[in-house]
PDB file of N, CA and C in Angstrom:
ATOM      1  N   MET A   1      12.464  14.102  11.051  1.00  0.00           N
ATOM      2  CA  MET A   1      11.644  12.950  11.325  1.00  0.00           C
ATOM      3  C   MET A   1      11.149  12.383   9.990  1.00  0.00           C
ATOM      4  N   LYS A   2      11.241  11.090   9.846  1.00  0.00           N
ATOM      5  CA  LYS A   2      10.734  10.410   8.662  1.00  0.00           C
ATOM      6  C   LYS A   2       9.249  10.118   8.862  1.00  0.00           C
ATOM      7  N   ARG A   3       8.499  10.260   7.793  1.00  0.00           N
ATOM      8  CA  ARG A   3       7.065   9.964   7.841  1.00  0.00           C
ATOM      9  C   ARG A   3       6.758   8.936   6.778  1.00  0.00           C
ATOM     10  N   ILE A   4       6.183   7.824   7.190  1.00  0.00           N
ATOM     11  CA  ILE A   4       5.820   6.737   6.284  1.00  0.00           C
ATOM     12  C   ILE A   4       4.300   6.691   6.223  1.00  0.00           C
ATOM     13  N   ILE A   5       3.761   6.738   5.019  1.00  0.00           N
ATOM     14  CA  ILE A   5       2.319   6.668   4.837  1.00  0.00           C
ATOM     15  C   ILE A   5       2.004   5.378   4.112  1.00  0.00           C
ATOM     16  N   GLN A   6       1.171   4.549   4.717  1.00  0.00           N
ATOM     17  CA  GLN A   6       0.747   3.327   4.042  1.00  0.00           C
ATOM     18  C   GLN A   6      -0.233   3.747   2.950  1.00  0.00           C
ATOM     19  N   PHE A   7       0.240   3.686   1.728  1.00  0.00           N
ATOM     20  CA  PHE A   7      -0.462   4.230   0.575  1.00  0.00           C
ATOM     21  C   PHE A   7      -1.140   3.098  -0.189  1.00  0.00           C
ATOM     22  N   SER A   8      -2.478   3.136  -0.218  1.00  0.00           N
ATOM     23  CA  SER A   8      -3.225   2.059  -0.876  1.00  0.00           C
ATOM     24  C   SER A   8      -3.345   2.258  -2.378  1.00  0.00           C
ATOM     25  N   GLY A   9      -3.103   3.473  -2.830  1.00  0.00           N
ATOM     26  CA  GLY A   9      -3.317   3.775  -4.234  1.00  0.00           C
ATOM     27  C   GLY A   9      -4.695   4.351  -4.494  1.00  0.00           C
ATOM     28  N   GLY A  10      -5.464   4.547  -3.444  1.00  0.00           N
ATOM     29  CA  GLY A  10      -6.809   5.098  -3.572  1.00  0.00           C
ATOM     30  C   GLY A  10      -6.870   6.554  -3.138  1.00  0.00           C
ATOM     31  N   LEU A  11      -8.041   7.135  -3.272  1.00  0.00           N
ATOM     32  CA  LEU A  11      -8.221   8.555  -2.974  1.00  0.00           C
ATOM     33  C   LEU A  11      -7.989   8.900  -1.509  1.00  0.00           C
ATOM     34  N   CYS A  12      -8.479   8.068  -0.599  1.00  0.00           N
ATOM     35  CA  CYS A  12      -8.331   8.407   0.827  1.00  0.00           C
ATOM     36  C   CYS A  12      -6.862   8.472   1.235  1.00  0.00           C
ATOM     37  N   SER A  13      -6.064   7.501   0.814  1.00  0.00           N
ATOM     38  CA  SER A  13      -4.649   7.551   1.184  1.00  0.00           C
ATOM     39  C   SER A  13      -3.935   8.675   0.427  1.00  0.00           C
ATOM     40  N   PHE A  14      -4.396   9.003  -0.779  1.00  0.00           N
ATOM     41  CA  PHE A  14      -3.832  10.141  -1.513  1.00  0.00           C
ATOM     42  C   PHE A  14      -4.072  11.439  -0.730  1.00  0.00           C
ATOM     43  N   PHE A  15      -5.299  11.649  -0.256  1.00  0.00           N
ATOM     44  CA  PHE A  15      -5.594  12.874   0.483  1.00  0.00           C
ATOM     45  C   PHE A  15      -4.881  12.896   1.835  1.00  0.00           C
ATOM     46  N   ALA A  16      -4.746  11.751   2.473  1.00  0.00           N
ATOM     47  CA  ALA A  16      -3.983  11.699   3.728  1.00  0.00           C
ATOM     48  C   ALA A  16      -2.528  12.080   3.466  1.00  0.00           C
ATOM     49  N   ALA A  17      -1.957  11.531   2.408  1.00  0.00           N
ATOM     50  CA  ALA A  17      -0.576  11.866   2.049  1.00  0.00           C
ATOM     51  C   ALA A  17      -0.455  13.347   1.704  1.00  0.00           C
ATOM     52  N   SER A  18      -1.428  13.882   0.992  1.00  0.00           N
ATOM     53  CA  SER A  18      -1.416  15.310   0.632  1.00  0.00           C
ATOM     54  C   SER A  18      -1.372  16.178   1.870  1.00  0.00           C
ATOM     55  N   ARG A  19      -2.165  15.842   2.868  1.00  0.00           N
ATOM     56  CA  ARG A  19      -2.205  16.637   4.107  1.00  0.00           C
ATOM     57  C   ARG A  19      -0.871  16.592   4.838  1.00  0.00           C
ATOM     58  N   VAL A  20      -0.274  15.410   4.904  1.00  0.00           N
ATOM     59  CA  VAL A  20       1.023  15.287   5.578  1.00  0.00           C
ATOM     60  C   VAL A  20       2.075  16.101   4.835  1.00  0.00           C
ATOM     61  N   ILE A  21       2.074  15.989   3.506  1.00  0.00           N
ATOM     62  CA  ILE A  21       3.067  16.708   2.703  1.00  0.00           C
ATOM     63  C   ILE A  21       2.846  18.215   2.770  1.00  0.00           C
ATOM     64  N   GLN A  22       1.609  18.660   2.794  1.00  0.00           N
ATOM     65  CA  GLN A  22       1.337  20.102   2.931  1.00  0.00           C
ATOM     66  C   GLN A  22       1.869  20.631   4.255  1.00  0.00           C
ATOM     67  N   ARG A  23       1.770  19.818   5.271  1.00  0.00           N
ATOM     68  CA  ARG A  23       2.201  20.268   6.602  1.00  0.00           C
ATOM     69  C   ARG A  23       3.708  20.173   6.804  1.00  0.00           C
ATOM     70  N   PHE A  24       4.336  19.078   6.288  1.00  0.00           N
ATOM     71  CA  PHE A  24       5.740  18.824   6.592  1.00  0.00           C
ATOM     72  C   PHE A  24       6.671  18.855   5.381  1.00  0.00           C
ATOM     73  N   GLY A  25       6.107  18.931   4.166  1.00  0.00           N
ATOM     74  CA  GLY A  25       6.930  18.888   2.954  1.00  0.00           C
ATOM     75  C   GLY A  25       7.189  17.455   2.524  1.00  0.00           C
ATOM     76  N   PRO A  26       7.579  17.263   1.269  1.00  0.00           N
ATOM     77  CA  PRO A  26       7.743  15.909   0.727  1.00  0.00           C
ATOM     78  C   PRO A  26       9.097  15.256   1.013  1.00  0.00           C
ATOM     79  N   GLU A  27      10.051  16.019   1.513  1.00  0.00           N
ATOM     80  CA  GLU A  27      11.429  15.534   1.622  1.00  0.00           C
ATOM     81  C   GLU A  27      11.571  14.257   2.441  1.00  0.00           C
ATOM     82  N   ASP A  28      10.917  14.194   3.575  1.00  0.00           N
ATOM     83  CA  ASP A  28      11.063  13.034   4.467  1.00  0.00           C
ATOM     84  C   ASP A  28       9.817  12.164   4.499  1.00  0.00           C
ATOM     85  N   VAL A  29       9.021  12.225   3.431  1.00  0.00           N
ATOM     86  CA  VAL A  29       7.800  11.420   3.347  1.00  0.00           C
ATOM     87  C   VAL A  29       8.019  10.285   2.359  1.00  0.00           C
ATOM     88  N   THR A  30       7.634   9.086   2.769  1.00  0.00           N
ATOM     89  CA  THR A  30       7.658   7.923   1.885  1.00  0.00           C
ATOM     90  C   THR A  30       6.261   7.339   1.823  1.00  0.00           C
ATOM     91  N   LEU A  31       5.803   7.109   0.617  1.00  0.00           N
ATOM     92  CA  LEU A  31       4.515   6.440   0.400  1.00  0.00           C
ATOM     93  C   LEU A  31       4.807   4.961   0.226  1.00  0.00           C
ATOM     94  N   LEU A  32       4.299   4.153   1.131  1.00  0.00           N
ATOM     95  CA  LEU A  32       4.566   2.715   1.128  1.00  0.00           C
ATOM     96  C   LEU A  32       3.348   1.975   0.584  1.00  0.00           C
ATOM     97  N   PHE A  33       3.540   1.287  -0.519  1.00  0.00           N
ATOM     98  CA  PHE A  33       2.461   0.581  -1.212  1.00  0.00           C
ATOM     99  C   PHE A  33       2.672  -0.922  -1.079  1.00  0.00           C
ATOM    100  N   ALA A  34       1.704  -1.618  -0.474  1.00  0.00           N
ATOM    101  CA  ALA A  34       1.744  -3.074  -0.358  1.00  0.00           C
ATOM    102  C   ALA A  34       0.980  -3.659  -1.539  1.00  0.00           C
ATOM    103  N   ASP A  35       1.703  -4.224  -2.474  1.00  0.00           N
ATOM    104  CA  ASP A  35       1.109  -4.714  -3.716  1.00  0.00           C
ATOM    105  C   ASP A  35       0.605  -6.145  -3.540  1.00  0.00           C
ATOM    106  N   THR A  36      -0.678  -6.338  -3.829  1.00  0.00           N
ATOM    107  CA  THR A  36      -1.274  -7.679  -3.753  1.00  0.00           C
ATOM    108  C   THR A  36      -1.164  -8.419  -5.085  1.00  0.00           C
ATOM    109  N   LEU A  37      -0.606  -7.766  -6.072  1.00  0.00           N
ATOM    110  CA  LEU A  37      -0.363  -8.317  -7.414  1.00  0.00           C
ATOM    111  C   LEU A  37      -1.617  -8.564  -8.229  1.00  0.00           C
ATOM    112  N   ILE A  38      -2.773  -8.105  -7.747  1.00  0.00           N
ATOM    113  CA  ILE A  38      -3.998  -8.287  -8.542  1.00  0.00           C
ATOM    114  C   ILE A  38      -4.841  -7.007  -8.599  1.00  0.00           C
ATOM    115  N   GLU A  39      -4.229  -5.871  -8.301  1.00  0.00           N
ATOM    116  CA  GLU A  39      -4.973  -4.616  -8.362  1.00  0.00           C
ATOM    117  C   GLU A  39      -5.291  -4.288  -9.820  1.00  0.00           C
ATOM    118  N   SER A  40      -6.256  -3.416 -10.020  1.00  0.00           N
ATOM    119  CA  SER A  40      -6.624  -3.031 -11.382  1.00  0.00           C
ATOM    120  C   SER A  40      -5.541  -2.153 -11.993  1.00  0.00           C
ATOM    121  N   ALA A  41      -5.480  -2.160 -13.304  1.00  0.00           N
ATOM    122  CA  ALA A  41      -4.514  -1.311 -14.012  1.00  0.00           C
ATOM    123  C   ALA A  41      -4.744   0.159 -13.656  1.00  0.00           C
ATOM    124  N   GLY A  42      -6.006   0.537 -13.460  1.00  0.00           N
ATOM    125  CA  GLY A  42      -6.334   1.910 -13.095  1.00  0.00           C
ATOM    126  C   GLY A  42      -5.750   2.304 -11.752  1.00  0.00           C
ATOM    127  N   LEU A  43      -5.739   1.396 -10.791  1.00  0.00           N
ATOM    128  CA  LEU A  43      -5.174   1.707  -9.474  1.00  0.00           C
ATOM    129  C   LEU A  43      -3.672   1.928  -9.593  1.00  0.00           C
ATOM    130  N   TYR A  44      -2.988   1.058 -10.318  1.00  0.00           N
ATOM    131  CA  TYR A  44      -1.543   1.229 -10.488  1.00  0.00           C
ATOM    132  C   TYR A  44      -1.248   2.554 -11.200  1.00  0.00           C
ATOM    133  N   ARG A  45      -2.025   2.871 -12.215  1.00  0.00           N
ATOM    134  CA  ARG A  45      -1.844   4.112 -12.970  1.00  0.00           C
ATOM    135  C   ARG A  45      -2.071   5.326 -12.062  1.00  0.00           C
ATOM    136  N   PHE A  46      -3.157   5.313 -11.293  1.00  0.00           N
ATOM    137  CA  PHE A  46      -3.447   6.418 -10.375  1.00  0.00           C
ATOM    138  C   PHE A  46      -2.335   6.553  -9.337  1.00  0.00           C
ATOM    139  N   ALA A  47      -1.873   5.443  -8.790  1.00  0.00           N
ATOM    140  CA  ALA A  47      -0.826   5.490  -7.762  1.00  0.00           C
ATOM    141  C   ALA A  47       0.430   6.159  -8.309  1.00  0.00           C
ATOM    142  N   LEU A  48       0.826   5.815  -9.521  1.00  0.00           N
ATOM    143  CA  LEU A  48       2.032   6.418 -10.095  1.00  0.00           C
ATOM    144  C   LEU A  48       1.846   7.910 -10.362  1.00  0.00           C
ATOM    145  N   HIS A  49       0.678   8.290 -10.838  1.00  0.00           N
ATOM    146  CA  HIS A  49       0.401   9.720 -11.054  1.00  0.00           C
ATOM    147  C   HIS A  49       0.354  10.456  -9.717  1.00  0.00           C
ATOM    148  N   ALA A  50      -0.242   9.839  -8.721  1.00  0.00           N
ATOM    149  CA  ALA A  50      -0.336  10.460  -7.398  1.00  0.00           C
ATOM    150  C   ALA A  50       1.050  10.689  -6.814  1.00  0.00           C
ATOM    151  N   VAL A  51       1.901   9.690  -6.912  1.00  0.00           N
ATOM    152  CA  VAL A  51       3.263   9.812  -6.385  1.00  0.00           C
ATOM    153  C   VAL A  51       3.999  10.937  -7.100  1.00  0.00           C
ATOM    154  N   ALA A  52       3.855  11.013  -8.414  1.00  0.00           N
ATOM    155  CA  ALA A  52       4.522  12.067  -9.184  1.00  0.00           C
ATOM    156  C   ALA A  52       4.017  13.445  -8.765  1.00  0.00           C
ATOM    157  N   SER A  53       2.724  13.568  -8.550  1.00  0.00           N
ATOM    158  CA  SER A  53       2.186  14.887  -8.191  1.00  0.00           C
ATOM    159  C   SER A  53       2.523  15.279  -6.753  1.00  0.00           C
ATOM    160  N   LEU A  54       2.668  14.305  -5.865  1.00  0.00           N
ATOM    161  CA  LEU A  54       2.976  14.602  -4.469  1.00  0.00           C
ATOM    162  C   LEU A  54       4.465  14.880  -4.248  1.00  0.00           C
ATOM    163  N   GLY A  55       5.314  14.305  -5.092  1.00  0.00           N
ATOM    164  CA  GLY A  55       6.743  14.550  -4.975  1.00  0.00           C
ATOM    165  C   GLY A  55       7.434  13.822  -3.845  1.00  0.00           C
ATOM    166  N   ALA A  56       6.800  12.821  -3.286  1.00  0.00           N
ATOM    167  CA  ALA A  56       7.395  12.062  -2.182  1.00  0.00           C
ATOM    168  C   ALA A  56       8.082  10.810  -2.728  1.00  0.00           C
ATOM    169  N   LYS A  57       8.878  10.189  -1.877  1.00  0.00           N
ATOM    170  CA  LYS A  57       9.487   8.914  -2.243  1.00  0.00           C
ATOM    171  C   LYS A  57       8.392   7.849  -2.300  1.00  0.00           C
ATOM    172  N   PHE A  58       8.630   6.818  -3.087  1.00  0.00           N
ATOM    173  CA  PHE A  58       7.655   5.741  -3.260  1.00  0.00           C
ATOM    174  C   PHE A  58       8.366   4.424  -3.036  1.00  0.00           C
ATOM    175  N   ALA A  59       7.808   3.598  -2.173  1.00  0.00           N
ATOM    176  CA  ALA A  59       8.364   2.276  -1.903  1.00  0.00           C
ATOM    177  C   ALA A  59       7.262   1.248  -2.093  1.00  0.00           C
ATOM    178  N   VAL A  60       7.633   0.115  -2.649  1.00  0.00           N
ATOM    179  CA  VAL A  60       6.679  -0.968  -2.891  1.00  0.00           C
ATOM    180  C   VAL A  60       7.174  -2.205  -2.153  1.00  0.00           C
ATOM    181  N   THR A  61       6.268  -2.862  -1.473  1.00  0.00           N
ATOM    182  CA  THR A  61       6.580  -4.138  -0.852  1.00  0.00           C
ATOM    183  C   THR A  61       5.541  -5.153  -1.322  1.00  0.00           C
ATOM    184  N   TYR A  62       5.952  -6.381  -1.484  1.00  0.00           N
ATOM    185  CA  TYR A  62       5.014  -7.424  -1.881  1.00  0.00           C
ATOM    186  C   TYR A  62       5.515  -8.771  -1.414  1.00  0.00           C
ATOM    187  N   ASP A  63       4.571  -9.659  -1.212  1.00  0.00           N
ATOM    188  CA  ASP A  63       4.829 -11.000  -0.721  1.00  0.00           C
ATOM    189  C   ASP A  63       5.258 -11.921  -1.859  1.00  0.00           C
ATOM    190  N   GLY A  64       4.761 -11.647  -3.058  1.00  0.00           N
ATOM    191  CA  GLY A  64       5.035 -12.513  -4.204  1.00  0.00           C
ATOM    192  C   GLY A  64       3.874 -13.429  -4.534  1.00  0.00           C
ATOM    193  N   ARG A  65       2.847 -13.380  -3.663  1.00  0.00           N
ATOM    194  CA  ARG A  65       1.659 -14.204  -3.889  1.00  0.00           C
ATOM    195  C   ARG A  65       0.440 -13.311  -4.053  1.00  0.00           C
ATOM    196  N   THR A  66      -0.530 -13.827  -4.796  1.00  0.00           N
ATOM    197  CA  THR A  66      -1.825 -13.153  -4.906  1.00  0.00           C
ATOM    198  C   THR A  66      -2.684 -13.584  -3.714  1.00  0.00           C
ATOM    199  N   PRO A  67      -3.797 -12.901  -3.483  1.00  0.00           N
ATOM    200  CA  PRO A  67      -4.692 -13.350  -2.416  1.00  0.00           C
ATOM    201  C   PRO A  67      -5.127 -14.801  -2.594  1.00  0.00           C
ATOM    202  N   TRP A  68      -5.364 -15.220  -3.821  1.00  0.00           N
ATOM    203  CA  TRP A  68      -5.813 -16.601  -4.049  1.00  0.00           C
ATOM    204  C   TRP A  68      -4.733 -17.604  -3.683  1.00  0.00           C
ATOM    205  N   GLU A  69      -3.486 -17.259  -3.911  1.00  0.00           N
ATOM    206  CA  GLU A  69      -2.390 -18.143  -3.508  1.00  0.00           C
ATOM    207  C   GLU A  69      -2.261 -18.195  -1.990  1.00  0.00           C
ATOM    208  N   VAL A  70      -2.485 -17.056  -1.324  1.00  0.00           N
ATOM    209  CA  VAL A  70      -2.463 -17.034   0.143  1.00  0.00           C
ATOM    210  C   VAL A  70      -3.582 -17.912   0.683  1.00  0.00           C
ATOM    211  N   PHE A  71      -4.786 -17.782   0.126  1.00  0.00           N
ATOM    212  CA  PHE A  71      -5.910 -18.608   0.583  1.00  0.00           C
ATOM    213  C   PHE A  71      -5.570 -20.089   0.435  1.00  0.00           C
ATOM    214  N   ASN A  72      -4.989 -20.452  -0.693  1.00  0.00           N
ATOM    215  CA  ASN A  72      -4.611 -21.849  -0.925  1.00  0.00           C
ATOM    216  C   ASN A  72      -3.549 -22.305   0.081  1.00  0.00           C
ATOM    217  N   ASP A  73      -2.525 -21.493   0.275  1.00  0.00           N
ATOM    218  CA  ASP A  73      -1.454 -21.851   1.210  1.00  0.00           C
ATOM    219  C   ASP A  73      -1.952 -21.963   2.644  1.00  0.00           C
ATOM    220  N   GLU A  74      -2.888 -21.108   3.024  1.00  0.00           N
ATOM    221  CA  GLU A  74      -3.419 -21.102   4.381  1.00  0.00           C
ATOM    222  C   GLU A  74      -4.579 -22.087   4.557  1.00  0.00           C
ATOM    223  N   LYS A  75      -5.026 -22.667   3.455  1.00  0.00           N
ATOM    224  CA  LYS A  75      -6.157 -23.616   3.472  1.00  0.00           C
ATOM    225  C   LYS A  75      -7.423 -22.971   4.031  1.00  0.00           C
ATOM    226  N   PHE A  76      -7.605 -21.694   3.671  1.00  0.00           N
ATOM    227  CA  PHE A  76      -8.749 -20.955   4.203  1.00  0.00           C
ATOM    228  C   PHE A  76      -9.036 -19.783   3.278  1.00  0.00           C
ATOM    229  N   ILE A  77     -10.286 -19.596   2.906  1.00  0.00           N
ATOM    230  CA  ILE A  77     -10.661 -18.474   2.061  1.00  0.00           C
ATOM    231  C   ILE A  77     -11.051 -17.299   2.945  1.00  0.00           C
ATOM    232  N   GLY A  78     -10.416 -16.172   2.706  1.00  0.00           N
ATOM    233  CA  GLY A  78     -10.714 -14.975   3.458  1.00  0.00           C
ATOM    234  C   GLY A  78     -12.153 -14.537   3.246  1.00  0.00           C
ATOM    235  N   ASN A  79     -12.666 -13.795   4.197  1.00  0.00           N
ATOM    236  CA  ASN A  79     -14.046 -13.319   4.114  1.00  0.00           C
ATOM    237  C   ASN A  79     -14.154 -12.040   4.942  1.00  0.00           C
ATOM    238  N   THR A  80     -15.356 -11.559   5.158  1.00  0.00           N
ATOM    239  CA  THR A  80     -15.520 -10.303   5.890  1.00  0.00           C
ATOM    240  C   THR A  80     -15.159 -10.421   7.375  1.00  0.00           C
ATOM    241  N   ARG A  81     -15.011 -11.630   7.867  1.00  0.00           N
ATOM    242  CA  ARG A  81     -14.651 -11.805   9.286  1.00  0.00           C
ATOM    243  C   ARG A  81     -13.188 -12.169   9.484  1.00  0.00           C
ATOM    244  N   VAL A  82     -12.558 -12.706   8.464  1.00  0.00           N
ATOM    245  CA  VAL A  82     -11.150 -13.092   8.554  1.00  0.00           C
ATOM    246  C   VAL A  82     -10.432 -12.471   7.362  1.00  0.00           C
ATOM    247  N   ASP A  83      -9.530 -11.574   7.646  1.00  0.00           N
ATOM    248  CA  ASP A  83      -8.893 -10.796   6.580  1.00  0.00           C
ATOM    249  C   ASP A  83      -7.476 -11.286   6.260  1.00  0.00           C
ATOM    250  N   LEU A  84      -7.370 -12.504   5.775  1.00  0.00           N
ATOM    251  CA  LEU A  84      -6.052 -13.056   5.460  1.00  0.00           C
ATOM    252  C   LEU A  84      -5.274 -12.171   4.492  1.00  0.00           C
ATOM    253  N   CYS A  85      -5.937 -11.720   3.455  1.00  0.00           N
ATOM    254  CA  CYS A  85      -5.264 -10.911   2.435  1.00  0.00           C
ATOM    255  C   CYS A  85      -4.710  -9.630   3.043  1.00  0.00           C
ATOM    256  N   SER A  86      -5.541  -8.880   3.721  1.00  0.00           N
ATOM    257  CA  SER A  86      -5.082  -7.621   4.314  1.00  0.00           C
ATOM    258  C   SER A  86      -3.997  -7.853   5.358  1.00  0.00           C
ATOM    259  N   ARG A  87      -4.149  -8.873   6.162  1.00  0.00           N
ATOM    260  CA  ARG A  87      -3.160  -9.135   7.218  1.00  0.00           C
ATOM    261  C   ARG A  87      -1.828  -9.567   6.625  1.00  0.00           C
ATOM    262  N   ILE A  88      -1.846 -10.594   5.778  1.00  0.00           N
ATOM    263  CA  ILE A  88      -0.602 -11.180   5.275  1.00  0.00           C
ATOM    264  C   ILE A  88       0.036 -10.333   4.177  1.00  0.00           C
ATOM    265  N   LEU A  89      -0.775  -9.910   3.205  1.00  0.00           N
ATOM    266  CA  LEU A  89      -0.214  -9.226   2.045  1.00  0.00           C
ATOM    267  C   LEU A  89      -0.028  -7.724   2.244  1.00  0.00           C
ATOM    268  N   LYS A  90      -0.669  -7.162   3.237  1.00  0.00           N
ATOM    269  CA  LYS A  90      -0.536  -5.718   3.443  1.00  0.00           C
ATOM    270  C   LYS A  90       0.110  -5.390   4.787  1.00  0.00           C
ATOM    271  N   ARG A  91      -0.580  -5.655   5.900  1.00  0.00           N
ATOM    272  CA  ARG A  91      -0.066  -5.219   7.202  1.00  0.00           C
ATOM    273  C   ARG A  91       1.263  -5.887   7.549  1.00  0.00           C
ATOM    274  N   GLU A  92       1.346  -7.210   7.393  1.00  0.00           N
ATOM    275  CA  GLU A  92       2.602  -7.883   7.742  1.00  0.00           C
ATOM    276  C   GLU A  92       3.743  -7.451   6.835  1.00  0.00           C
ATOM    277  N   ARG A  93       3.455  -7.255   5.550  1.00  0.00           N
ATOM    278  CA  ARG A  93       4.484  -6.804   4.606  1.00  0.00           C
ATOM    279  C   ARG A  93       4.975  -5.403   4.978  1.00  0.00           C
ATOM    280  N   CYS A  94       4.054  -4.517   5.301  1.00  0.00           N
ATOM    281  CA  CYS A  94       4.453  -3.146   5.655  1.00  0.00           C
ATOM    282  C   CYS A  94       5.241  -3.126   6.947  1.00  0.00           C
ATOM    283  N   ARG A  95       4.836  -3.916   7.917  1.00  0.00           N
ATOM    284  CA  ARG A  95       5.583  -3.974   9.180  1.00  0.00           C
ATOM    285  C   ARG A  95       6.991  -4.519   8.945  1.00  0.00           C
ATOM    286  N   LYS A  96       7.103  -5.510   8.087  1.00  0.00           N
ATOM    287  CA  LYS A  96       8.427  -6.072   7.775  1.00  0.00           C
ATOM    288  C   LYS A  96       9.279  -5.011   7.081  1.00  0.00           C
ATOM    289  N   TRP A  97       8.685  -4.260   6.161  1.00  0.00           N
ATOM    290  CA  TRP A  97       9.413  -3.213   5.462  1.00  0.00           C
ATOM    291  C   TRP A  97       9.922  -2.154   6.452  1.00  0.00           C
ATOM    292  N   LEU A  98       9.065  -1.803   7.408  1.00  0.00           N
ATOM    293  CA  LEU A  98       9.476  -0.804   8.407  1.00  0.00           C
ATOM    294  C   LEU A  98      10.652  -1.286   9.218  1.00  0.00           C
TER     295      LEU A  98
END
């Protein structure tokens, strides 16, 4: 069975991935990272170190736009009630990748 973990590059998704890999091994695990193209250099650095230490496959998907470009294209600025960035740049991208 293949296991896909939506990997944000943060600690919570790292620990979730660690638990899955401890239980099932890294062979059939893929860490899927939806890149918004504006993450901090530290997040990208941590994500690469995390992937190396976990030993799982790493896949990256991206829309090609930053959140600000999405807001402009959609004619709407995301906020705490409407999550354009998370929906378009993360969830929809990951679903398309799957």
